[in-house]
C-alpha atoms as a PDB file:
ATOM      1  CA  MET A   1      81.577 137.386 -49.864  1.00  0.00           C
ATOM      2  CA  ILE A   2      79.142 134.607 -50.518  1.00  0.00           C
ATOM      3  CA  ARG A   3      75.944 135.746 -49.086  1.00  0.00           C
ATOM      4  CA  ILE A   4      73.844 132.535 -47.921  1.00  0.00           C
ATOM      5  CA  GLY A   5      70.063 132.625 -47.799  1.00  0.00           C
ATOM      6  CA  PHE A   6      67.952 130.221 -45.784  1.00  0.00           C
ATOM      7  CA  ILE A   7      64.564 128.965 -46.850  1.00  0.00           C
ATOM      8  CA  ASP A   8      62.473 127.169 -44.326  1.00  0.00           C
ATOM      9  CA  TYR A   9      59.015 126.163 -43.296  1.00  0.00           C
ATOM     10  CA  ARG A  10      59.526 127.386 -39.753  1.00  0.00           C
ATOM     11  CA  LEU A  11      62.883 128.851 -38.903  1.00  0.00           C
ATOM     12  CA  ASP A  12      63.053 128.150 -35.103  1.00  0.00           C
ATOM     13  CA  GLU A  13      63.926 124.332 -35.579  1.00  0.00           C
ATOM     14  CA  TRP A  14      66.983 122.284 -34.725  1.00  0.00           C
ATOM     15  CA  HIS A  15      68.655 122.613 -38.151  1.00  0.00           C
ATOM     16  CA  ALA A  16      68.223 126.280 -38.612  1.00  0.00           C
ATOM     17  CA  ASN A  17      69.271 126.920 -34.956  1.00  0.00           C
ATOM     18  CA  ASN A  18      72.564 124.966 -35.437  1.00  0.00           C
ATOM     19  CA  TYR A  19      73.659 125.541 -38.903  1.00  0.00           C
ATOM     20  CA  PRO A  20      74.755 129.342 -38.572  1.00  0.00           C
ATOM     21  CA  ALA A  21      77.437 128.559 -35.890  1.00  0.00           C
ATOM     22  CA  TRP A  22      78.733 125.576 -37.993  1.00  0.00           C
ATOM     23  CA  ILE A  23      78.675 127.818 -41.017  1.00  0.00           C
ATOM     24  CA  ARG A  24      80.895 130.414 -39.154  1.00  0.00           C
ATOM     25  CA  ALA A  25      83.314 127.615 -37.895  1.00  0.00           C
ATOM     26  CA  ALA A  26      83.586 126.008 -41.273  1.00  0.00           C
ATOM     27  CA  ALA A  27      84.060 129.217 -43.160  1.00  0.00           C
ATOM     28  CA  LYS A  28      86.998 130.122 -40.732  1.00  0.00           C
ATOM     29  CA  ASP A  29      88.428 126.685 -41.100  1.00  0.00           C
ATOM     30  CA  LEU A  30      88.226 126.670 -44.894  1.00  0.00           C
ATOM     31  CA  GLY A  31      89.093 130.090 -45.502  1.00  0.00           C
ATOM     32  CA  ILE A  32      85.781 130.837 -47.403  1.00  0.00           C
ATOM     33  CA  ASP A  33      84.483 134.477 -47.077  1.00  0.00           C
ATOM     34  CA  CYS A  34      80.646 133.706 -46.463  1.00  0.00           C
ATOM     35  CA  ALA A  35      77.953 134.394 -44.038  1.00  0.00           C
ATOM     36  CA  LEU A  36      74.248 133.693 -43.365  1.00  0.00           C
ATOM     37  CA  SER A  37      72.765 136.887 -44.622  1.00  0.00           C
ATOM     38  CA  TYR A  38      69.088 136.379 -45.495  1.00  0.00           C
ATOM     39  CA  ALA A  39      66.197 134.067 -44.346  1.00  0.00           C
ATOM     40  CA  TRP A  40      62.501 133.449 -44.977  1.00  0.00           C
ATOM     41  CA  ALA A  41      59.974 131.047 -43.534  1.00  0.00           C
ATOM     42  CA  GLU A  42      56.622 130.146 -44.896  1.00  0.00           C
ATOM     43  CA  GLU A  43      54.812 129.805 -41.630  1.00  0.00           C
ATOM     44  CA  CYS A  44      54.725 131.950 -38.565  1.00  0.00           C
ATOM     45  CA  ALA A  45      56.133 130.277 -35.441  1.00  0.00           C
ATOM     46  CA  PRO A  46      53.638 128.594 -33.050  1.00  0.00           C
ATOM     47  CA  GLU A  47      53.432 130.054 -29.541  1.00  0.00           C
ATOM     48  CA  GLY A  48      56.856 129.472 -27.673  1.00  0.00           C
ATOM     49  CA  LEU A  49      58.965 129.599 -30.685  1.00  0.00           C
ATOM     50  CA  LEU A  50      60.635 132.535 -32.205  1.00  0.00           C
ATOM     51  CA  SER A  51      59.121 134.549 -35.034  1.00  0.00           C
ATOM     52  CA  THR A  52      60.985 134.865 -38.357  1.00  0.00           C
ATOM     53  CA  ALA A  53      61.991 138.508 -37.307  1.00  0.00           C
ATOM     54  CA  ALA A  54      63.107 137.433 -33.749  1.00  0.00           C
ATOM     55  CA  TRP A  55      65.094 134.426 -35.139  1.00  0.00           C
ATOM     56  CA  CYS A  56      66.784 136.819 -37.646  1.00  0.00           C
ATOM     57  CA  GLU A  57      67.718 139.175 -34.960  1.00  0.00           C
ATOM     58  CA  LYS A  58      69.149 136.345 -32.863  1.00  0.00           C
ATOM     59  CA  PHE A  59      71.184 135.058 -35.776  1.00  0.00           C
ATOM     60  CA  ASP A  60      72.264 138.432 -37.272  1.00  0.00           C
ATOM     61  CA  CYS A  61      70.680 138.148 -40.715  1.00  0.00           C
ATOM     62  CA  ALA A  62      68.006 139.950 -42.652  1.00  0.00           C
ATOM     63  CA  PRO A  63      64.353 138.772 -42.756  1.00  0.00           C
ATOM     64  CA  CYS A  64      62.812 138.684 -46.150  1.00  0.00           C
ATOM     65  CA  ASP A  65      59.048 139.194 -46.991  1.00  0.00           C
ATOM     66  CA  THR A  66      59.215 136.489 -49.710  1.00  0.00           C
ATOM     67  CA  LEU A  67      61.038 133.470 -50.749  1.00  0.00           C
ATOM     68  CA  GLU A  68      61.950 135.223 -54.020  1.00  0.00           C
ATOM     69  CA  GLN A  69      63.485 138.064 -52.173  1.00  0.00           C
ATOM     70  CA  VAL A  70      65.911 135.680 -50.489  1.00  0.00           C
ATOM     71  CA  CYS A  71      66.736 134.072 -53.980  1.00  0.00           C
ATOM     72  CA  GLU A  72      67.266 137.695 -55.459  1.00  0.00           C
ATOM     73  CA  LYS A  73      69.619 138.911 -52.734  1.00  0.00           C
ATOM     74  CA  ALA A  74      71.602 135.793 -51.866  1.00  0.00           C
ATOM     75  CA  ASP A  75      74.403 134.192 -53.755  1.00  0.00           C
ATOM     76  CA  ALA A  76      73.904 130.690 -52.545  1.00  0.00           C
ATOM     77  CA  LEU A  77      70.776 129.077 -50.983  1.00  0.00           C
ATOM     78  CA  ILE A  78      69.929 126.388 -48.292  1.00  0.00           C
ATOM     79  CA  VAL A  79      66.455 125.019 -48.355  1.00  0.00           C
ATOM     80  CA  LEU A  80      65.769 123.561 -45.014  1.00  0.00           C
ATOM     81  CA  ALA A  81      62.292 122.329 -43.876  1.00  0.00           C
ATOM     82  CA  PRO A  82      63.999 119.059 -42.636  1.00  0.00           C
ATOM     83  CA  SER A  83      60.783 117.561 -41.289  1.00  0.00           C
ATOM     84  CA  ASN A  84      58.621 118.719 -44.249  1.00  0.00           C
ATOM     85  CA  PRO A  85      60.024 117.113 -47.390  1.00  0.00           C
ATOM     86  CA  GLU A  86      56.709 117.576 -49.135  1.00  0.00           C
ATOM     87  CA  LYS A  87      57.733 121.425 -49.261  1.00  0.00           C
ATOM     88  CA  HIS A  88      60.883 120.680 -51.092  1.00  0.00           C
ATOM     89  CA  LEU A  89      59.588 120.384 -54.677  1.00  0.00           C
ATOM     90  CA  PRO A  90      57.376 123.400 -54.309  1.00  0.00           C
ATOM     91  CA  TYR A  91      60.129 125.621 -52.913  1.00  0.00           C
ATOM     92  CA  ALA A  92      62.526 124.168 -55.729  1.00  0.00           C
ATOM     93  CA  GLU A  93      60.015 125.286 -58.284  1.00  0.00           C
ATOM     94  CA  ARG A  94      60.443 128.863 -57.073  1.00  0.00           C
ATOM     95  CA  VAL A  95      64.068 128.690 -56.090  1.00  0.00           C
ATOM     96  CA  LEU A  96      65.870 127.012 -58.890  1.00  0.00           C
ATOM     97  CA  PRO A  97      64.911 129.413 -61.596  1.00  0.00           C
ATOM     98  CA  PHE A  98      67.355 131.807 -60.022  1.00  0.00           C
ATOM     99  CA  GLY A  99      70.158 129.519 -61.195  1.00  0.00           C
ATOM    100  CA  LYS A 100      72.193 129.759 -57.872  1.00  0.00           C
ATOM    101  CA  PRO A 101      73.768 126.890 -56.029  1.00  0.00           C
ATOM    102  CA  THR A 102      71.382 125.244 -53.771  1.00  0.00           C
ATOM    103  CA  TYR A 103      71.448 122.738 -51.048  1.00  0.00           C
ATOM    104  CA  ILE A 104      68.113 120.949 -50.197  1.00  0.00           C
ATOM    105  CA  ASP A 105      68.071 119.375 -46.758  1.00  0.00           C
ATOM    106  CA  LYS A 106      67.130 115.839 -46.199  1.00  0.00           C
ATOM    107  CA  THR A 107      64.838 114.054 -46.560  1.00  0.00           C
ATOM    108  CA  PHE A 108      65.052 115.396 -50.192  1.00  0.00           C
ATOM    109  CA  THR A 109      61.609 114.543 -51.236  1.00  0.00           C
ATOM    110  CA  PRO A 110      58.635 112.333 -50.297  1.00  0.00           C
ATOM    111  CA  SER A 111      59.253 110.092 -53.365  1.00  0.00           C
ATOM    112  CA  CYS A 112      61.909 109.348 -56.020  1.00  0.00           C
ATOM    113  CA  GLU A 113      59.550 110.772 -58.637  1.00  0.00           C
ATOM    114  CA  GLU A 114      59.675 114.235 -56.986  1.00  0.00           C
ATOM    115  CA  ALA A 115      63.357 113.903 -56.653  1.00  0.00           C
ATOM    116  CA  ARG A 116      63.789 113.383 -60.292  1.00  0.00           C
ATOM    117  CA  ARG A 117      61.719 116.449 -61.007  1.00  0.00           C
ATOM    118  CA  ILE A 118      63.860 118.647 -58.803  1.00  0.00           C
ATOM    119  CA  PHE A 119      67.002 117.523 -60.592  1.00  0.00           C
ATOM    120  CA  GLU A 120      65.312 118.177 -63.851  1.00  0.00           C
ATOM    121  CA  LEU A 121      64.504 121.789 -62.818  1.00  0.00           C
ATOM    122  CA  GLY A 122      68.067 122.145 -61.755  1.00  0.00           C
ATOM    123  CA  ARG A 123      69.158 121.181 -65.245  1.00  0.00           C
ATOM    124  CA  LYS A 124      66.658 123.336 -67.023  1.00  0.00           C
ATOM    125  CA  TYR A 125      67.647 126.465 -64.993  1.00  0.00           C
ATOM    126  CA  GLY A 126      71.474 125.801 -64.723  1.00  0.00           C
ATOM    127  CA  ALA A 127      71.194 125.789 -60.937  1.00  0.00           C
ATOM    128  CA  PRO A 128      73.766 123.249 -59.378  1.00  0.00           C
ATOM    129  CA  LEU A 129      72.096 121.410 -56.432  1.00  0.00           C
ATOM    130  CA  PHE A 130      72.576 118.520 -54.168  1.00  0.00           C
ATOM    131  CA  SER A 131      71.010 116.860 -51.117  1.00  0.00           C
ATOM    132  CA  THR A 132      72.321 114.434 -48.536  1.00  0.00           C
ATOM    133  CA  SER A 133      72.019 113.128 -44.985  1.00  0.00           C
ATOM    134  CA  ALA A 134      74.791 114.500 -42.801  1.00  0.00           C
ATOM    135  CA  LEU A 135      75.644 110.900 -41.915  1.00  0.00           C
ATOM    136  CA  ARG A 136      77.301 110.564 -45.358  1.00  0.00           C
ATOM    137  CA  PHE A 137      80.238 112.734 -43.780  1.00  0.00           C
ATOM    138  CA  ALA A 138      80.855 110.431 -40.870  1.00  0.00           C
ATOM    139  CA  ASP A 139      84.639 109.704 -40.670  1.00  0.00           C
ATOM    140  CA  GLU A 140      83.958 106.007 -40.134  1.00  0.00           C
ATOM    141  CA  LEU A 141      82.540 105.577 -43.618  1.00  0.00           C
ATOM    142  CA  LYS A 142      85.602 106.993 -45.473  1.00  0.00           C
ATOM    143  CA  ASP A 143      87.460 103.870 -45.689  1.00  0.00           C
ATOM    144  CA  TYR A 144      84.773 101.865 -47.448  1.00  0.00           C
ATOM    145  CA  ALA A 145      83.088 101.814 -50.812  1.00  0.00           C
ATOM    146  CA  ASN A 146      81.378  99.008 -52.801  1.00  0.00           C
ATOM    147  CA  VAL A 147      81.580  96.620 -50.025  1.00  0.00           C
ATOM    148  CA  HIS A 148      80.334  92.998 -50.347  1.00  0.00           C
ATOM    149  CA  SER A 149      77.868  93.271 -47.525  1.00  0.00           C
ATOM    150  CA  ALA A 150      76.768  95.769 -44.826  1.00  0.00           C
ATOM    151  CA  PHE A 151      74.666  95.673 -41.739  1.00  0.00           C
ATOM    152  CA  VAL A 152      73.656  99.300 -40.750  1.00  0.00           C
ATOM    153  CA  SER A 153      71.476 100.507 -37.827  1.00  0.00           C
ATOM    154  CA  GLY A 154      70.223 103.826 -36.673  1.00  0.00           C
ATOM    155  CA  SER A 155      67.115 105.466 -34.787  1.00  0.00           C
ATOM    156  CA  GLY A 156      64.849 108.357 -34.786  1.00  0.00           C
ATOM    157  CA  SER A 157      61.278 109.307 -34.031  1.00  0.00           C
ATOM    158  CA  SER A 158      59.915 107.577 -37.080  1.00  0.00           C
ATOM    159  CA  LEU A 159      61.112 105.396 -39.939  1.00  0.00           C
ATOM    160  CA  GLU A 160      59.510 107.654 -42.373  1.00  0.00           C
ATOM    161  CA  GLU A 161      61.667 110.704 -41.342  1.00  0.00           C
ATOM    162  CA  TYR A 162      64.877 108.946 -40.041  1.00  0.00           C
ATOM    163  CA  ALA A 163      65.308 105.996 -42.584  1.00  0.00           C
ATOM    164  CA  ILE A 164      67.179 108.404 -44.870  1.00  0.00           C
ATOM    165  CA  HIS A 165      70.132 108.412 -42.487  1.00  0.00           C
ATOM    166  CA  ILE A 166      70.515 104.739 -42.496  1.00  0.00           C
ATOM    167  CA  ILE A 167      69.877 104.468 -46.245  1.00  0.00           C
ATOM    168  CA  GLU A 168      72.519 107.153 -46.937  1.00  0.00           C
ATOM    169  CA  MET A 169      75.066 105.225 -44.902  1.00  0.00           C
ATOM    170  CA  ILE A 170      74.071 101.975 -46.914  1.00  0.00           C
ATOM    171  CA  VAL A 171      74.410 103.648 -50.237  1.00  0.00           C
ATOM    172  CA  CYS A 172      77.783 105.131 -49.356  1.00  0.00           C
ATOM    173  CA  LEU A 173      79.056 101.529 -48.340  1.00  0.00           C
ATOM    174  CA  MET A 174      77.187  99.439 -51.160  1.00  0.00           C
ATOM    175  CA  GLY A 175      76.962 101.876 -54.048  1.00  0.00           C
ATOM    176  CA  GLU A 176      74.008 101.812 -56.353  1.00  0.00           C
ATOM    177  CA  GLY A 177      72.179  98.748 -57.807  1.00  0.00           C
ATOM    178  CA  SER A 178      69.667  97.580 -55.081  1.00  0.00           C
ATOM    179  CA  ARG A 179      67.128  95.236 -56.572  1.00  0.00           C
ATOM    180  CA  SER A 180      64.791  94.389 -53.808  1.00  0.00           C
ATOM    181  CA  VAL A 181      63.791  94.738 -50.173  1.00  0.00           C
ATOM    182  CA  CYS A 182      61.899  92.719 -47.540  1.00  0.00           C
ATOM    183  CA  LEU A 183      61.044  94.212 -44.224  1.00  0.00           C
ATOM    184  CA  TYR A 184      60.373  92.273 -41.137  1.00  0.00           C
ATOM    185  CA  GLY A 185      58.717  93.781 -37.904  1.00  0.00           C
ATOM    186  CA  SER A 186      56.937  97.078 -38.294  1.00  0.00           C
ATOM    187  CA  ALA A 187      57.730 100.663 -39.097  1.00  0.00           C
ATOM    188  CA  GLU A 188      58.357 101.196 -35.354  1.00  0.00           C
ATOM    189  CA  HIS A 189      61.039  98.485 -35.109  1.00  0.00           C
ATOM    190  CA  ALA A 190      62.220  97.109 -38.533  1.00  0.00           C
ATOM    191  CA  LEU A 191      64.801  94.791 -39.930  1.00  0.00           C
ATOM    192  CA  CYS A 192      64.940  95.231 -43.811  1.00  0.00           C
ATOM    193  CA  ASP A 193      66.906  92.868 -46.027  1.00  0.00           C
ATOM    194  CA  ILE A 194      68.255  94.533 -49.236  1.00  0.00           C
ATOM    195  CA  ASP A 195      69.227  92.391 -52.100  1.00  0.00           C
ATOM    196  CA  TYR A 196      71.922  93.707 -54.633  1.00  0.00           C
ATOM    197  CA  GLY A 197      72.258  90.573 -56.529  1.00  0.00           C
ATOM    198  CA  GLY A 198      75.363  88.373 -57.072  1.00  0.00           C
ATOM    199  CA  GLY A 199      75.328  87.480 -53.401  1.00  0.00           C
ATOM    200  CA  ARG A 200      75.703  91.092 -52.203  1.00  0.00           C
ATOM    201  CA  ARG A 201      73.258  92.090 -49.517  1.00  0.00           C
ATOM    202  CA  ALA A 202      72.645  94.878 -46.996  1.00  0.00           C
ATOM    203  CA  ALA A 203      70.507  95.050 -43.826  1.00  0.00           C
ATOM    204  CA  LEU A 204      68.871  98.207 -42.430  1.00  0.00           C
ATOM    205  CA  VAL A 205      67.961  97.963 -38.738  1.00  0.00           C
ATOM    206  CA  TYR A 206      65.777 100.722 -37.269  1.00  0.00           C
ATOM    207  CA  GLY A 207      64.611 101.124 -33.709  1.00  0.00           C
ATOM    208  CA  ALA A 208      63.687 104.171 -31.491  1.00  0.00           C
ATOM    209  CA  ASN A 209      67.059 103.730 -29.550  1.00  0.00           C
ATOM    210  CA  MET A 210      69.532 102.046 -32.032  1.00  0.00           C
ATOM    211  CA  PRO A 211      72.796 103.564 -32.246  1.00  0.00           C
ATOM    212  CA  TYR A 212      74.279 104.631 -35.573  1.00  0.00           C
ATOM    213  CA  GLN A 213      76.744 101.927 -36.460  1.00  0.00           C
ATOM    214  CA  PHE A 214      77.751  99.419 -39.148  1.00  0.00           C
ATOM    215  CA  ASP A 215      79.367  96.090 -39.791  1.00  0.00           C
ATOM    216  CA  VAL A 216      80.695  95.415 -43.219  1.00  0.00           C
ATOM    217  CA  GLN A 217      82.338  92.543 -45.184  1.00  0.00           C
ATOM    218  CA  PRO A 218      84.612  94.633 -47.470  1.00  0.00           C
ATOM    219  CA  SER A 219      84.894  91.676 -50.155  1.00  0.00           C
ATOM    220  CA  GLU A 220      83.516  88.239 -50.453  1.00  0.00           C
ATOM    221  CA  GLY A 221      85.104  85.969 -47.972  1.00  0.00           C
ATOM    222  CA  SER A 222      86.737  88.694 -45.885  1.00  0.00           C
ATOM    223  CA  ALA A 223      86.503  89.234 -42.283  1.00  0.00           C
ATOM    224  CA  SER A 224      83.909  91.649 -41.077  1.00  0.00           C
ATOM    225  CA  GLU A 225      84.713  94.973 -39.731  1.00  0.00           C
ATOM    226  CA  PHE A 226      82.536  97.006 -37.346  1.00  0.00           C
ATOM    227  CA  ARG A 227      82.433 100.610 -36.710  1.00  0.00           C
ATOM    228  CA  ALA A 228      80.305 102.837 -34.337  1.00  0.00           C
ATOM    229  CA  VAL A 229      79.606 106.269 -35.718  1.00  0.00           C
ATOM    230  CA  ASN A 230      81.046 108.622 -33.124  1.00  0.00           C
ATOM    231  CA  SER A 231      82.500 111.400 -35.464  1.00  0.00           C
ATOM    232  CA  ALA A 232      81.025 114.962 -35.739  1.00  0.00           C
ATOM    233  CA  PHE A 233      79.270 114.451 -39.189  1.00  0.00           C
ATOM    234  CA  PHE A 234      77.359 117.648 -39.131  1.00  0.00           C
ATOM    235  CA  PRO A 235      80.306 119.835 -39.438  1.00  0.00           C
ATOM    236  CA  GLY A 236      81.479 117.715 -42.362  1.00  0.00           C
ATOM    237  CA  LEU A 237      78.260 118.415 -44.108  1.00  0.00           C
ATOM    238  CA  ILE A 238      78.621 122.110 -43.611  1.00  0.00           C
ATOM    239  CA  ARG A 239      82.216 122.108 -44.943  1.00  0.00           C
ATOM    240  CA  ALA A 240      80.920 120.218 -48.003  1.00  0.00           C
ATOM    241  CA  ILE A 241      78.132 122.811 -48.637  1.00  0.00           C
ATOM    242  CA  LEU A 242      80.386 125.735 -48.227  1.00  0.00           C
ATOM    243  CA  THR A 243      82.966 124.210 -50.578  1.00  0.00           C
ATOM    244  CA  PHE A 244      80.143 123.505 -53.099  1.00  0.00           C
ATOM    245  CA  PHE A 245      79.039 127.164 -52.721  1.00  0.00           C
ATOM    246  CA  GLU A 246      82.447 128.364 -53.591  1.00  0.00           C
ATOM    247  CA  THR A 247      83.508 125.782 -56.349  1.00  0.00           C
ATOM    248  CA  LYS A 248      80.011 124.916 -57.749  1.00  0.00           C
ATOM    249  CA  LYS A 249      81.362 121.354 -57.769  1.00  0.00           C
ATOM    250  CA  ILE A 250      78.624 118.967 -56.682  1.00  0.00           C
ATOM    251  CA  PRO A 251      79.859 116.678 -53.809  1.00  0.00           C
ATOM    252  CA  VAL A 252      77.126 114.056 -53.943  1.00  0.00           C
ATOM    253  CA  PRO A 253      76.297 112.551 -57.367  1.00  0.00           C
ATOM    254  CA  GLU A 254      72.627 112.715 -58.441  1.00  0.00           C
ATOM    255  CA  GLU A 255      72.614 108.943 -59.136  1.00  0.00           C
ATOM    256  CA  GLN A 256      73.426 108.243 -55.380  1.00  0.00           C
ATOM    257  CA  THR A 257      70.731 110.642 -54.150  1.00  0.00           C
ATOM    258  CA  LEU A 258      68.249 109.020 -56.359  1.00  0.00           C
ATOM    259  CA  GLU A 259      69.343 105.543 -55.360  1.00  0.00           C
ATOM    260  CA  CYS A 260      68.700 106.647 -51.668  1.00  0.00           C
ATOM    261  CA  MET A 261      65.119 107.841 -52.617  1.00  0.00           C
ATOM    262  CA  LYS A 262      64.485 104.663 -54.721  1.00  0.00           C
ATOM    263  CA  LEU A 263      65.385 102.555 -51.504  1.00  0.00           C
ATOM    264  CA  ARG A 264      63.351 104.845 -49.254  1.00  0.00           C
ATOM    265  CA  ASP A 265      60.270 104.325 -51.489  1.00  0.00           C
ATOM    266  CA  ALA A 266      60.676 100.492 -51.480  1.00  0.00           C
ATOM    267  CA  ILE A 267      61.412 100.358 -47.771  1.00  0.00           C
ATOM    268  CA  LEU A 268      58.242 102.329 -46.846  1.00  0.00           C
ATOM    269  CA  LYS A 269      56.122 100.215 -49.217  1.00  0.00           C
ATOM    270  CA  ALA A 270      57.582  97.021 -47.711  1.00  0.00           C
ATOM    271  CA  ALA A 271      56.679  98.290 -44.156  1.00  0.00           C
ATOM    272  CA  MET A 272      53.030  98.206 -45.275  1.00  0.00           C
ATOM    273  CA  THR A 273      53.247  94.366 -45.983  1.00  0.00           C
ATOM    274  CA  PRO A 274      56.013  92.792 -43.703  1.00  0.00           C
ATOM    275  CA  GLY A 275      57.415  89.776 -45.045  1.00  0.00           C
ATOM    276  CA  SER A 276      56.760  90.515 -48.769  1.00  0.00           C
ATOM    277  CA  ARG A 277      59.520  91.366 -51.164  1.00  0.00           C
ATOM    278  CA  VAL A 278      59.296  94.702 -52.937  1.00  0.00           C
ATOM    279  CA  GLY A 279      61.293  95.793 -56.117  1.00  0.00           C
ATOM    280  CA  VAL A 280      63.435  98.815 -55.914  1.00  0.00           C
END
């Protein structure tokens, strides 16, 4: 059996509360013998949320006193803290020396520089790892790669936290090689033009209530094709994570994750000076 360990800032949060059921369903569907076995959180829960011990009792896993204890006991690791990416590098510095397959939730890191440092740690300690937004696994994206242009929208409570979902979709559609960005509007309601050179462009549209959807031109001169994202992309992410834990084959190339982080850095910088073009 593959014993999975959760590492989180606080465990009683949306991802940690939903992943266990998806893990059970995906393991059964894939025929992989695995289970959530251990968990640790850095912070005690605020009043009204489950403590680590109560959360572990609810989800039938063993609470650990330290992050290192989770790493020692588990065969594979999921680093959560989805709303606290500033915690991912400090956690990785303690997790990756154990050399175990590790998934680190999105947003991977606050900056591309920190993302590179985590990948360097993975290579140093022989720990296979990856990070991605679940939106990468939307069924609607599967028919497209290296398109000529893409118009992608999405929403969330803030551009800083939720831009990664739209960016991940753009990178899936366009590939790597973005050159510059120019954002119009504000961090609350933004349209961002992304230049890839050679006439290839993408547009990121963010608003509090924008649906996840995209319109692409597969090749220069071709008709555009529209897709609303309605598929269950989170179960797809969990299946990818469990397959990775079993095979050690990384499902998302490091180069694409770094492209996402470079784009995010540039977009957030551009949000500070709307209308100015910022290099990627």
